[in-house]
Amino acid sequence: MGDTEVDGKLKRMVFVTVGTTCFDALVRAVDTEQVKQKLYARGYTHLLIQMGRGTYNPTEYHGEDGLVVEYFSFSSSIADHLKSASLVISHAGSGSIFETLRLGKPLIVVVNEDLMDNHQIELAEELAERKHLYCARPQTLRQTIESLNLDFLIPYTQGDAKPVARLINRFLGFPED
């Protein structure tokens, strides 16, 4: 599920994405020693942070004893990062959520409570209730990682809109295909 072997060593990457927004609270949360230690203790070896428009720069680390940490602001596509991730920690944007779930990657969604009229909370909490992902706040991320049980998650399957479209077409009097 994203684990790869590099130079004979298992590489398990955690990919963090904030999309195009500024979500320094999430970047700061994953940059704490407590969160990095929890991830490393769970067998993750690399932490790659996409920080968007944020101004907080995480601490990079490339040593032998601990989590390798790297970051960048933007990329033309995060698809490759998502595909190679063993775990994704994401803001609550629907595009990031559904792209990650379609790939079958374990996902922790961190809600940005600073946004006005935050409909993203509803989406994240509903998908968490359905056991497709974990939902956290920046201040609860460490505890969420600590209690993470990936066997608990239920794979997300996309719905089929064709029956609804046929019903609408029939109602409107359009011919059936």
N, C-alpha and C. Protein backbone atom coordinates (compact mmCIF):
# COMPACT_ATOMS: atom_id res chain seq x y z
N MET A 1 0.83 -1.19 0.00
CA MET A 1 0.00 0.00 0.00
C MET A 1 0.87 1.24 0.00
N GLY A 2 1.82 1.31 -0.92
CA GLY A 2 2.68 2.47 -0.99
C GLY A 2 4.07 2.21 -0.44
N ASP A 3 4.27 1.09 0.24
CA ASP A 3 5.59 0.76 0.75
C ASP A 3 6.49 0.39 -0.42
N THR A 4 7.70 0.95 -0.45
CA THR A 4 8.65 0.63 -1.50
C THR A 4 9.99 0.29 -0.87
N GLU A 5 10.84 -0.35 -1.66
CA GLU A 5 12.17 -0.69 -1.16
C GLU A 5 13.19 0.19 -1.86
N VAL A 6 14.04 0.84 -1.08
CA VAL A 6 15.08 1.70 -1.62
C VAL A 6 16.40 1.26 -1.00
N ASP A 7 17.34 0.86 -1.86
CA ASP A 7 18.66 0.39 -1.40
C ASP A 7 18.53 -0.70 -0.35
N GLY A 8 17.59 -1.61 -0.54
CA GLY A 8 17.42 -2.73 0.38
C GLY A 8 16.68 -2.40 1.66
N LYS A 9 16.24 -1.14 1.79
CA LYS A 9 15.50 -0.72 2.99
C LYS A 9 14.07 -0.39 2.61
N LEU A 10 13.14 -0.74 3.49
CA LEU A 10 11.73 -0.45 3.27
C LEU A 10 11.48 1.05 3.47
N LYS A 11 10.85 1.68 2.47
CA LYS A 11 10.49 3.09 2.56
C LYS A 11 8.98 3.19 2.72
N ARG A 12 8.55 3.76 3.83
CA ARG A 12 7.13 3.98 4.10
C ARG A 12 6.92 5.47 4.28
N MET A 13 6.30 6.08 3.28
CA MET A 13 6.18 7.53 3.27
C MET A 13 4.81 8.01 3.74
N VAL A 14 4.85 9.06 4.54
CA VAL A 14 3.65 9.80 4.91
C VAL A 14 3.67 11.06 4.06
N PHE A 15 2.59 11.25 3.29
CA PHE A 15 2.48 12.46 2.48
C PHE A 15 1.44 13.36 3.11
N VAL A 16 1.83 14.62 3.35
CA VAL A 16 0.95 15.63 3.94
C VAL A 16 0.65 16.66 2.87
N THR A 17 -0.64 16.97 2.67
CA THR A 17 -1.00 17.97 1.69
C THR A 17 -2.01 18.97 2.25
N VAL A 18 -1.78 20.23 1.96
CA VAL A 18 -2.72 21.29 2.35
C VAL A 18 -3.38 21.90 1.12
N GLY A 19 -3.13 21.31 -0.07
CA GLY A 19 -3.69 21.85 -1.30
C GLY A 19 -3.06 23.19 -1.63
N THR A 20 -3.86 24.11 -2.16
CA THR A 20 -3.34 25.42 -2.55
C THR A 20 -3.53 26.46 -1.45
N THR A 21 -4.06 26.03 -0.32
CA THR A 21 -4.38 26.97 0.75
C THR A 21 -3.19 27.22 1.67
N CYS A 22 -3.40 28.04 2.65
CA CYS A 22 -2.46 28.23 3.75
C CYS A 22 -3.06 27.51 4.94
N PHE A 23 -2.38 26.48 5.41
CA PHE A 23 -2.86 25.74 6.57
C PHE A 23 -1.64 25.45 7.46
N ASP A 24 -1.03 26.55 7.94
CA ASP A 24 0.17 26.44 8.77
C ASP A 24 -0.07 25.61 10.02
N ALA A 25 -1.29 25.62 10.55
CA ALA A 25 -1.57 24.85 11.77
C ALA A 25 -1.32 23.35 11.53
N LEU A 26 -1.69 22.86 10.36
CA LEU A 26 -1.43 21.45 10.04
C LEU A 26 0.06 21.20 9.85
N VAL A 27 0.73 22.07 9.11
CA VAL A 27 2.17 21.91 8.88
C VAL A 27 2.93 21.95 10.21
N ARG A 28 2.55 22.88 11.09
CA ARG A 28 3.19 22.95 12.42
C ARG A 28 2.92 21.68 13.23
N ALA A 29 1.70 21.16 13.13
CA ALA A 29 1.34 19.95 13.89
C ALA A 29 2.17 18.75 13.47
N VAL A 30 2.36 18.55 12.15
CA VAL A 30 3.17 17.40 11.71
C VAL A 30 4.65 17.62 11.95
N ASP A 31 5.05 18.87 12.12
CA ASP A 31 6.46 19.19 12.34
C ASP A 31 6.88 19.07 13.81
N THR A 32 5.96 18.75 14.69
CA THR A 32 6.34 18.60 16.10
C THR A 32 7.10 17.29 16.30
N GLU A 33 7.99 17.30 17.27
CA GLU A 33 8.75 16.08 17.57
C GLU A 33 7.83 14.93 17.98
N GLN A 34 6.76 15.25 18.72
CA GLN A 34 5.84 14.21 19.19
C GLN A 34 5.18 13.50 18.01
N VAL A 35 4.70 14.24 17.02
CA VAL A 35 4.06 13.62 15.85
C VAL A 35 5.08 12.83 15.04
N LYS A 36 6.25 13.42 14.82
CA LYS A 36 7.28 12.71 14.04
C LYS A 36 7.72 11.43 14.75
N GLN A 37 7.84 11.47 16.07
CA GLN A 37 8.20 10.27 16.82
C GLN A 37 7.13 9.20 16.72
N LYS A 38 5.85 9.60 16.78
CA LYS A 38 4.74 8.64 16.66
C LYS A 38 4.75 7.98 15.29
N LEU A 39 4.98 8.77 14.24
CA LEU A 39 5.02 8.22 12.89
C LEU A 39 6.19 7.24 12.74
N TYR A 40 7.35 7.64 13.25
CA TYR A 40 8.54 6.79 13.16
C TYR A 40 8.34 5.50 13.95
N ALA A 41 7.73 5.61 15.12
CA ALA A 41 7.47 4.42 15.95
C ALA A 41 6.50 3.46 15.25
N ARG A 42 5.66 3.97 14.37
CA ARG A 42 4.70 3.15 13.62
C ARG A 42 5.33 2.58 12.35
N GLY A 43 6.61 2.84 12.14
CA GLY A 43 7.31 2.25 11.01
C GLY A 43 7.41 3.12 9.77
N TYR A 44 6.94 4.35 9.85
CA TYR A 44 7.07 5.25 8.71
C TYR A 44 8.49 5.80 8.69
N THR A 45 9.06 5.93 7.50
CA THR A 45 10.46 6.33 7.38
C THR A 45 10.63 7.71 6.77
N HIS A 46 9.64 8.18 6.01
CA HIS A 46 9.75 9.46 5.31
C HIS A 46 8.48 10.28 5.52
N LEU A 47 8.67 11.59 5.65
CA LEU A 47 7.56 12.53 5.78
C LEU A 47 7.76 13.60 4.72
N LEU A 48 6.83 13.67 3.77
CA LEU A 48 6.89 14.66 2.70
C LEU A 48 5.70 15.59 2.87
N ILE A 49 5.99 16.89 3.05
CA ILE A 49 4.96 17.88 3.35
C ILE A 49 4.80 18.85 2.19
N GLN A 50 3.58 18.92 1.65
CA GLN A 50 3.23 19.92 0.64
C GLN A 50 2.56 21.04 1.42
N MET A 51 3.20 22.21 1.50
CA MET A 51 2.76 23.27 2.41
C MET A 51 1.96 24.40 1.77
N GLY A 52 1.69 24.32 0.47
CA GLY A 52 0.84 25.31 -0.17
C GLY A 52 1.32 26.73 0.01
N ARG A 53 0.39 27.62 0.33
CA ARG A 53 0.69 29.04 0.49
C ARG A 53 1.20 29.38 1.90
N GLY A 54 1.45 28.39 2.69
CA GLY A 54 1.86 28.62 4.07
C GLY A 54 3.19 29.34 4.18
N THR A 55 3.41 29.94 5.33
CA THR A 55 4.66 30.67 5.59
C THR A 55 5.56 29.93 6.56
N TYR A 56 5.01 28.91 7.23
CA TYR A 56 5.81 28.14 8.19
C TYR A 56 6.60 27.07 7.45
N ASN A 57 7.91 27.11 7.58
CA ASN A 57 8.77 26.10 6.95
C ASN A 57 9.12 25.01 7.95
N PRO A 58 8.74 23.77 7.67
CA PRO A 58 9.08 22.68 8.59
C PRO A 58 10.59 22.42 8.60
N THR A 59 11.02 21.68 9.59
CA THR A 59 12.42 21.34 9.72
C THR A 59 12.73 20.11 8.88
N GLU A 60 13.63 20.28 7.91
CA GLU A 60 14.03 19.13 7.09
C GLU A 60 15.02 18.29 7.87
N TYR A 61 14.98 16.98 7.62
CA TYR A 61 15.91 16.08 8.30
C TYR A 61 16.24 14.95 7.35
N HIS A 62 17.53 14.64 7.22
CA HIS A 62 17.97 13.58 6.30
C HIS A 62 18.89 12.59 6.99
N GLY A 63 18.84 12.49 8.30
CA GLY A 63 19.73 11.61 9.05
C GLY A 63 19.34 10.15 8.94
N GLU A 64 20.15 9.30 9.52
CA GLU A 64 19.93 7.85 9.50
C GLU A 64 18.97 7.39 10.59
N ASP A 65 18.93 8.12 11.71
CA ASP A 65 18.14 7.68 12.86
C ASP A 65 16.93 8.57 13.07
N GLY A 66 15.89 8.27 12.37
CA GLY A 66 14.67 9.06 12.51
C GLY A 66 13.99 9.24 11.18
N LEU A 67 12.90 9.93 11.22
CA LEU A 67 12.06 10.18 10.07
C LEU A 67 12.74 11.18 9.13
N VAL A 68 12.91 10.82 7.87
CA VAL A 68 13.43 11.74 6.87
C VAL A 68 12.30 12.72 6.55
N VAL A 69 12.57 14.03 6.68
CA VAL A 69 11.53 15.04 6.48
C VAL A 69 11.95 15.98 5.35
N GLU A 70 11.01 16.14 4.37
CA GLU A 70 11.23 17.06 3.27
C GLU A 70 9.93 17.83 3.04
N TYR A 71 10.03 18.97 2.38
CA TYR A 71 8.82 19.74 2.09
C TYR A 71 8.96 20.51 0.79
N PHE A 72 7.83 20.92 0.24
CA PHE A 72 7.77 21.77 -0.93
C PHE A 72 6.46 22.56 -0.87
N SER A 73 6.37 23.64 -1.65
CA SER A 73 5.17 24.47 -1.64
C SER A 73 4.11 23.95 -2.60
N PHE A 74 4.46 23.85 -3.89
CA PHE A 74 3.50 23.45 -4.90
C PHE A 74 4.12 22.44 -5.86
N SER A 75 3.25 21.71 -6.52
CA SER A 75 3.66 20.77 -7.56
C SER A 75 2.57 20.80 -8.62
N SER A 76 2.94 20.56 -9.87
CA SER A 76 1.93 20.56 -10.93
C SER A 76 0.92 19.44 -10.72
N SER A 77 1.35 18.38 -10.05
CA SER A 77 0.45 17.27 -9.73
C SER A 77 0.96 16.57 -8.48
N ILE A 78 0.03 16.28 -7.57
CA ILE A 78 0.43 15.53 -6.38
C ILE A 78 0.09 14.05 -6.53
N ALA A 79 -0.40 13.66 -7.71
CA ALA A 79 -0.83 12.28 -7.94
C ALA A 79 0.28 11.28 -7.63
N ASP A 80 1.50 11.54 -8.10
CA ASP A 80 2.61 10.61 -7.85
C ASP A 80 2.93 10.50 -6.36
N HIS A 81 2.85 11.62 -5.65
CA HIS A 81 3.11 11.59 -4.21
C HIS A 81 2.03 10.77 -3.50
N LEU A 82 0.78 10.95 -3.90
CA LEU A 82 -0.31 10.17 -3.31
C LEU A 82 -0.12 8.68 -3.58
N LYS A 83 0.25 8.34 -4.81
CA LYS A 83 0.43 6.93 -5.18
C LYS A 83 1.54 6.26 -4.40
N SER A 84 2.61 7.00 -4.11
CA SER A 84 3.74 6.39 -3.41
C SER A 84 3.62 6.47 -1.89
N ALA A 85 2.57 7.09 -1.39
CA ALA A 85 2.40 7.24 0.05
C ALA A 85 1.86 5.96 0.69
N SER A 86 2.32 5.71 1.90
CA SER A 86 1.78 4.62 2.73
C SER A 86 0.65 5.14 3.61
N LEU A 87 0.68 6.44 3.89
CA LEU A 87 -0.34 7.13 4.69
C LEU A 87 -0.42 8.56 4.17
N VAL A 88 -1.65 9.08 4.06
CA VAL A 88 -1.83 10.46 3.64
C VAL A 88 -2.49 11.23 4.79
N ILE A 89 -1.95 12.41 5.07
CA ILE A 89 -2.55 13.34 6.02
C ILE A 89 -2.91 14.57 5.18
N SER A 90 -4.19 14.92 5.15
CA SER A 90 -4.65 15.94 4.22
C SER A 90 -5.56 16.96 4.88
N HIS A 91 -5.61 18.14 4.27
CA HIS A 91 -6.63 19.12 4.62
C HIS A 91 -7.97 18.52 4.19
N ALA A 92 -9.06 19.18 4.48
CA ALA A 92 -10.38 18.59 4.24
C ALA A 92 -10.98 18.98 2.90
N GLY A 93 -10.16 19.33 1.93
CA GLY A 93 -10.67 19.64 0.60
C GLY A 93 -11.21 18.38 -0.07
N SER A 94 -12.37 18.48 -0.69
CA SER A 94 -13.01 17.29 -1.26
C SER A 94 -12.17 16.65 -2.35
N GLY A 95 -11.48 17.44 -3.16
CA GLY A 95 -10.63 16.88 -4.21
C GLY A 95 -9.53 16.00 -3.64
N SER A 96 -8.84 16.50 -2.64
CA SER A 96 -7.76 15.72 -2.00
C SER A 96 -8.31 14.47 -1.32
N ILE A 97 -9.45 14.61 -0.65
CA ILE A 97 -10.04 13.47 0.04
C ILE A 97 -10.40 12.37 -0.94
N PHE A 98 -11.17 12.71 -1.97
CA PHE A 98 -11.67 11.67 -2.87
C PHE A 98 -10.57 11.09 -3.76
N GLU A 99 -9.57 11.90 -4.13
CA GLU A 99 -8.45 11.37 -4.90
C GLU A 99 -7.68 10.33 -4.07
N THR A 100 -7.48 10.62 -2.81
CA THR A 100 -6.78 9.69 -1.92
C THR A 100 -7.59 8.43 -1.70
N LEU A 101 -8.89 8.58 -1.44
CA LEU A 101 -9.74 7.41 -1.21
C LEU A 101 -9.83 6.53 -2.45
N ARG A 102 -9.90 7.12 -3.65
CA ARG A 102 -9.95 6.33 -4.89
C ARG A 102 -8.70 5.49 -5.04
N LEU A 103 -7.58 6.00 -4.55
CA LEU A 103 -6.32 5.24 -4.63
C LEU A 103 -6.23 4.16 -3.55
N GLY A 104 -7.19 4.15 -2.63
CA GLY A 104 -7.18 3.15 -1.57
C GLY A 104 -6.12 3.39 -0.50
N LYS A 105 -5.73 4.63 -0.32
CA LYS A 105 -4.70 4.98 0.66
C LYS A 105 -5.34 5.29 2.00
N PRO A 106 -4.71 4.86 3.10
CA PRO A 106 -5.21 5.27 4.42
C PRO A 106 -5.06 6.77 4.57
N LEU A 107 -6.08 7.39 5.19
CA LEU A 107 -6.15 8.84 5.17
C LEU A 107 -6.57 9.39 6.53
N ILE A 108 -5.83 10.40 6.96
CA ILE A 108 -6.23 11.22 8.11
C ILE A 108 -6.53 12.60 7.55
N VAL A 109 -7.77 13.04 7.72
CA VAL A 109 -8.17 14.37 7.27
C VAL A 109 -8.11 15.30 8.49
N VAL A 110 -7.40 16.41 8.33
CA VAL A 110 -7.28 17.40 9.40
C VAL A 110 -8.09 18.62 8.99
N VAL A 111 -9.06 18.94 9.81
CA VAL A 111 -9.99 20.03 9.53
C VAL A 111 -9.38 21.37 9.93
N ASN A 112 -9.49 22.33 9.01
CA ASN A 112 -9.02 23.69 9.27
C ASN A 112 -10.18 24.48 9.87
N GLU A 113 -10.18 24.61 11.17
CA GLU A 113 -11.28 25.27 11.87
C GLU A 113 -11.26 26.79 11.70
N ASP A 114 -10.22 27.33 11.07
CA ASP A 114 -10.13 28.78 10.86
C ASP A 114 -10.92 29.24 9.64
N LEU A 115 -11.38 28.31 8.82
CA LEU A 115 -12.13 28.70 7.62
C LEU A 115 -13.54 29.13 7.99
N MET A 116 -14.02 30.14 7.31
CA MET A 116 -15.39 30.61 7.51
C MET A 116 -16.35 29.63 6.85
N ASP A 117 -17.54 29.43 7.42
CA ASP A 117 -18.57 28.58 6.84
C ASP A 117 -17.95 27.25 6.38
N ASN A 118 -17.35 26.53 7.30
CA ASN A 118 -16.55 25.37 6.96
C ASN A 118 -17.40 24.13 6.70
N HIS A 119 -17.85 23.98 5.46
CA HIS A 119 -18.60 22.79 5.06
C HIS A 119 -17.71 21.55 5.00
N GLN A 120 -16.39 21.76 4.97
CA GLN A 120 -15.46 20.64 4.89
C GLN A 120 -15.53 19.75 6.14
N ILE A 121 -15.87 20.36 7.26
CA ILE A 121 -16.00 19.58 8.50
C ILE A 121 -17.07 18.50 8.32
N GLU A 122 -18.19 18.87 7.72
CA GLU A 122 -19.29 17.93 7.53
C GLU A 122 -18.86 16.74 6.67
N LEU A 123 -18.15 17.01 5.57
CA LEU A 123 -17.68 15.94 4.69
C LEU A 123 -16.72 15.03 5.43
N ALA A 124 -15.74 15.61 6.10
CA ALA A 124 -14.73 14.80 6.80
C ALA A 124 -15.36 13.96 7.91
N GLU A 125 -16.26 14.56 8.68
CA GLU A 125 -16.88 13.82 9.78
C GLU A 125 -17.81 12.72 9.27
N GLU A 126 -18.51 12.97 8.17
CA GLU A 126 -19.39 11.94 7.60
C GLU A 126 -18.58 10.75 7.08
N LEU A 127 -17.48 11.03 6.37
CA LEU A 127 -16.65 9.94 5.86
C LEU A 127 -15.93 9.20 6.98
N ALA A 128 -15.61 9.91 8.06
CA ALA A 128 -15.02 9.26 9.23
C ALA A 128 -16.05 8.36 9.92
N GLU A 129 -17.28 8.85 10.01
CA GLU A 129 -18.35 8.05 10.62
C GLU A 129 -18.60 6.77 9.82
N ARG A 130 -18.42 6.86 8.51
CA ARG A 130 -18.58 5.68 7.63
C ARG A 130 -17.32 4.81 7.61
N LYS A 131 -16.31 5.21 8.38
CA LYS A 131 -15.06 4.48 8.56
C LYS A 131 -14.19 4.40 7.29
N HIS A 132 -14.27 5.44 6.45
CA HIS A 132 -13.42 5.50 5.26
C HIS A 132 -12.11 6.22 5.54
N LEU A 133 -12.07 7.00 6.63
CA LEU A 133 -10.89 7.77 6.98
C LEU A 133 -10.95 8.15 8.45
N TYR A 134 -9.86 8.71 8.94
CA TYR A 134 -9.83 9.28 10.29
C TYR A 134 -9.94 10.79 10.15
N CYS A 135 -10.58 11.42 11.10
CA CYS A 135 -10.74 12.87 11.11
C CYS A 135 -10.08 13.42 12.37
N ALA A 136 -9.31 14.50 12.20
CA ALA A 136 -8.60 15.10 13.34
C ALA A 136 -8.62 16.62 13.20
N ARG A 137 -8.16 17.26 14.24
CA ARG A 137 -7.88 18.70 14.25
C ARG A 137 -6.37 18.81 14.43
N PRO A 138 -5.77 19.95 14.11
CA PRO A 138 -4.32 20.06 14.31
C PRO A 138 -3.89 19.68 15.73
N GLN A 139 -4.68 20.09 16.74
CA GLN A 139 -4.31 19.82 18.13
C GLN A 139 -4.55 18.37 18.54
N THR A 140 -5.27 17.57 17.74
CA THR A 140 -5.52 16.16 18.09
C THR A 140 -4.79 15.20 17.16
N LEU A 141 -3.96 15.71 16.25
CA LEU A 141 -3.29 14.86 15.27
C LEU A 141 -2.42 13.79 15.93
N ARG A 142 -1.65 14.18 16.94
CA ARG A 142 -0.77 13.20 17.61
C ARG A 142 -1.59 12.05 18.18
N GLN A 143 -2.69 12.36 18.86
CA GLN A 143 -3.52 11.32 19.46
C GLN A 143 -4.16 10.43 18.39
N THR A 144 -4.54 11.03 17.27
CA THR A 144 -5.13 10.26 16.17
C THR A 144 -4.11 9.28 15.61
N ILE A 145 -2.88 9.73 15.41
CA ILE A 145 -1.82 8.84 14.91
C ILE A 145 -1.55 7.74 15.92
N GLU A 146 -1.52 8.10 17.20
CA GLU A 146 -1.27 7.14 18.26
C GLU A 146 -2.32 6.02 18.27
N SER A 147 -3.57 6.35 18.02
CA SER A 147 -4.65 5.36 18.09
C SER A 147 -5.00 4.78 16.72
N LEU A 148 -4.23 5.10 15.71
CA LEU A 148 -4.50 4.68 14.34
C LEU A 148 -4.58 3.16 14.23
N ASN A 149 -5.67 2.67 13.67
CA ASN A 149 -5.83 1.24 13.39
C ASN A 149 -6.32 1.13 11.95
N LEU A 150 -5.39 0.88 11.03
CA LEU A 150 -5.72 0.87 9.61
C LEU A 150 -6.65 -0.28 9.23
N ASP A 151 -6.69 -1.33 10.05
CA ASP A 151 -7.62 -2.44 9.79
C ASP A 151 -9.06 -2.01 10.01
N PHE A 152 -9.27 -0.93 10.71
CA PHE A 152 -10.59 -0.39 11.04
C PHE A 152 -11.25 0.26 9.83
N LEU A 153 -10.42 0.73 8.88
CA LEU A 153 -10.94 1.48 7.74
C LEU A 153 -11.64 0.59 6.72
N ILE A 154 -12.73 1.11 6.16
CA ILE A 154 -13.49 0.41 5.13
C ILE A 154 -13.17 1.09 3.80
N PRO A 155 -12.77 0.32 2.77
CA PRO A 155 -12.46 0.94 1.48
C PRO A 155 -13.65 1.72 0.93
N TYR A 156 -13.36 2.85 0.33
CA TYR A 156 -14.38 3.70 -0.27
C TYR A 156 -14.66 3.22 -1.68
N THR A 157 -15.93 3.05 -2.03
CA THR A 157 -16.30 2.70 -3.39
C THR A 157 -17.20 3.81 -3.93
N GLN A 158 -16.92 4.21 -5.15
CA GLN A 158 -17.70 5.27 -5.78
C GLN A 158 -19.09 4.76 -6.11
N GLY A 159 -20.05 5.64 -5.99
CA GLY A 159 -21.42 5.31 -6.34
C GLY A 159 -21.61 5.30 -7.85
N ASP A 160 -22.70 4.68 -8.30
CA ASP A 160 -23.05 4.63 -9.70
C ASP A 160 -24.21 5.60 -9.94
N ALA A 161 -23.97 6.65 -10.71
CA ALA A 161 -24.98 7.69 -10.94
C ALA A 161 -25.91 7.35 -12.10
N LYS A 162 -25.63 6.28 -12.82
CA LYS A 162 -26.45 5.96 -14.01
C LYS A 162 -27.92 5.73 -13.67
N PRO A 163 -28.27 4.98 -12.62
CA PRO A 163 -29.70 4.80 -12.33
C PRO A 163 -30.42 6.12 -12.03
N VAL A 164 -29.76 7.03 -11.35
CA VAL A 164 -30.36 8.33 -11.05
C VAL A 164 -30.53 9.13 -12.35
N ALA A 165 -29.52 9.10 -13.20
CA ALA A 165 -29.60 9.82 -14.48
C ALA A 165 -30.73 9.26 -15.34
N ARG A 166 -30.89 7.93 -15.38
CA ARG A 166 -31.99 7.32 -16.15
C ARG A 166 -33.35 7.76 -15.61
N LEU A 167 -33.48 7.79 -14.30
CA LEU A 167 -34.73 8.21 -13.67
C LEU A 167 -35.06 9.67 -14.01
N ILE A 168 -34.08 10.53 -13.96
CA ILE A 168 -34.28 11.95 -14.30
C ILE A 168 -34.65 12.08 -15.77
N ASN A 169 -33.94 11.36 -16.64
CA ASN A 169 -34.24 11.42 -18.08
C ASN A 169 -35.66 10.94 -18.36
N ARG A 170 -36.08 9.88 -17.70
CA ARG A 170 -37.43 9.35 -17.88
C ARG A 170 -38.45 10.39 -17.40
N PHE A 171 -38.19 10.99 -16.26
CA PHE A 171 -39.09 12.00 -15.71
C PHE A 171 -39.23 13.20 -16.65
N LEU A 172 -38.12 13.59 -17.29
CA LEU A 172 -38.13 14.74 -18.18
C LEU A 172 -38.61 14.39 -19.59
N GLY A 173 -38.83 13.09 -19.82
CA GLY A 173 -39.34 12.66 -21.11
C GLY A 173 -38.29 12.45 -22.18
N PHE A 174 -37.05 12.35 -21.79
CA PHE A 174 -35.99 12.09 -22.76
C PHE A 174 -35.98 10.60 -23.12
N PRO A 175 -35.59 10.27 -24.34
CA PRO A 175 -35.54 8.86 -24.72
C PRO A 175 -34.43 8.13 -23.95
N GLU A 176 -34.67 6.85 -23.67
CA GLU A 176 -33.65 6.05 -22.97
C GLU A 176 -32.62 5.55 -23.96
N ASP A 177 -31.40 5.46 -23.54
CA ASP A 177 -30.31 4.98 -24.42
C ASP A 177 -30.41 3.50 -24.63
